[in-house]
Amino acid sequence: METGYFRVFILKRGDHGATRLGVTVTRKVGKAVRRNRIKRLVREWFRRRGDGMGPCDLIVVVKREFPEKLRQQDVQLDLDQGLARYERRDDVT
């Protein structure tokens, strides 16, 4: 699934475990401070949303075109809209 700032891979699992998150930010996005801030923003979004997804693994890859001054609300809106599109598409198939 593609969003404005992320590429998200969703792997459904057959067990009844919790949803797991993996975040990847390459060095091309910026220095360590910036990469860590982006990971914190994604983890906070996941903490707020996480349990409602069922047993799956989310792998979030940050695109290089990540804005410098992005806020938590922007990340949340971007990922929520992308997941809503994915869920609608998944319901059709």
Protein backbone atom coordinates (compact mmCIF):
# COMPACT_ATOMS: atom_id res chain seq x y z
CA MET A 1 0.00 0.00 0.00
CA GLU A 2 1.33 3.47 -0.87
CA THR A 3 0.58 6.68 0.97
CA GLY A 4 2.00 10.16 0.50
CA TYR A 5 5.00 9.56 2.77
CA PHE A 6 5.11 5.80 3.33
CA ARG A 7 5.07 2.42 1.67
CA VAL A 8 3.29 -0.06 3.96
CA PHE A 9 3.39 -3.83 3.67
CA ILE A 10 0.63 -5.70 5.52
CA LEU A 11 1.16 -9.39 6.19
CA LYS A 12 -1.86 -11.17 7.67
CA ARG A 13 -1.05 -13.93 10.14
CA GLY A 14 -3.11 -16.96 11.03
CA ASP A 15 -2.40 -16.86 14.76
CA HIS A 16 -4.29 -14.82 17.34
CA GLY A 17 -1.33 -12.70 18.41
CA ALA A 18 -1.03 -8.95 18.59
CA THR A 19 -0.34 -6.71 15.62
CA ARG A 20 3.39 -6.11 15.17
CA LEU A 21 5.13 -3.08 13.67
CA GLY A 22 8.41 -2.70 11.82
CA VAL A 23 9.68 0.72 10.68
CA THR A 24 12.48 1.28 8.17
CA VAL A 25 14.03 4.67 7.49
CA THR A 26 17.09 4.78 5.21
CA ARG A 27 20.03 7.11 5.72
CA LYS A 28 19.02 8.94 2.55
CA VAL A 29 16.14 10.47 4.52
CA GLY A 30 18.49 12.29 6.87
CA LYS A 31 20.74 12.04 9.88
CA ALA A 32 20.01 9.86 12.92
CA VAL A 33 18.05 12.53 14.81
CA ARG A 34 15.64 12.97 11.91
CA ARG A 35 15.29 9.23 11.27
CA ASN A 36 14.57 8.58 14.95
CA ARG A 37 11.94 11.33 15.03
CA ILE A 38 10.16 9.79 12.06
CA LYS A 39 10.20 6.37 13.75
CA ARG A 40 8.79 7.92 16.93
CA LEU A 41 5.94 9.51 14.94
CA VAL A 42 5.06 6.18 13.29
CA ARG A 43 5.27 4.25 16.59
CA GLU A 44 2.97 6.79 18.25
CA TRP A 45 0.44 6.40 15.42
CA PHE A 46 0.65 2.61 15.85
CA ARG A 47 0.25 2.84 19.64
CA ARG A 48 -2.97 4.81 19.18
CA ARG A 49 -4.36 2.64 16.40
CA GLY A 50 -2.64 -0.77 16.73
CA ASP A 51 -5.07 -3.20 18.33
CA GLY A 52 -7.94 -2.61 15.92
CA MET A 53 -6.16 -4.30 13.00
CA GLY A 54 -6.24 -7.94 14.05
CA PRO A 55 -3.27 -10.33 13.85
CA CYS A 56 -0.94 -8.95 11.21
CA ASP A 57 2.52 -7.54 10.69
CA LEU A 58 2.87 -3.95 9.45
CA ILE A 59 6.13 -3.00 7.81
CA VAL A 60 6.36 0.75 7.25
CA VAL A 61 9.04 2.03 4.87
CA VAL A 62 9.53 5.79 4.85
CA LYS A 63 9.87 7.43 1.44
CA ARG A 64 12.78 9.79 0.81
CA GLU A 65 10.47 12.76 0.19
CA PHE A 66 9.57 13.05 3.87
CA PRO A 67 9.00 16.73 4.83
CA GLU A 68 11.22 18.26 7.47
CA LYS A 69 8.48 19.70 9.70
CA LEU A 70 5.82 16.97 9.56
CA ARG A 71 3.63 16.73 12.67
CA GLN A 72 1.99 13.75 14.37
CA GLN A 73 -1.42 14.73 12.95
CA ASP A 74 -0.02 14.65 9.40
CA VAL A 75 1.47 11.18 9.88
CA GLN A 76 -1.75 9.93 11.46
CA LEU A 77 -3.92 11.31 8.66
CA ASP A 78 -1.64 9.92 5.94
CA LEU A 79 -1.48 6.40 7.40
CA ASP A 80 -5.17 6.27 8.40
CA GLN A 81 -6.28 7.29 4.91
CA GLY A 82 -3.98 4.72 3.34
CA LEU A 83 -5.27 1.95 5.59
CA ALA A 84 -8.88 2.96 4.91
CA ARG A 85 -8.24 2.62 1.15
CA TYR A 86 -6.58 -0.75 1.75
CA GLU A 87 -9.46 -2.02 3.92
CA ARG A 88 -12.08 -0.91 1.34
CA ARG A 89 -10.12 -2.66 -1.40
CA ASP A 90 -9.69 -5.73 0.79
CA ASP A 91 -13.47 -5.89 1.48
CA VAL A 92 -14.21 -5.92 -2.27
CA THR A 93 -11.92 -8.86 -3.06
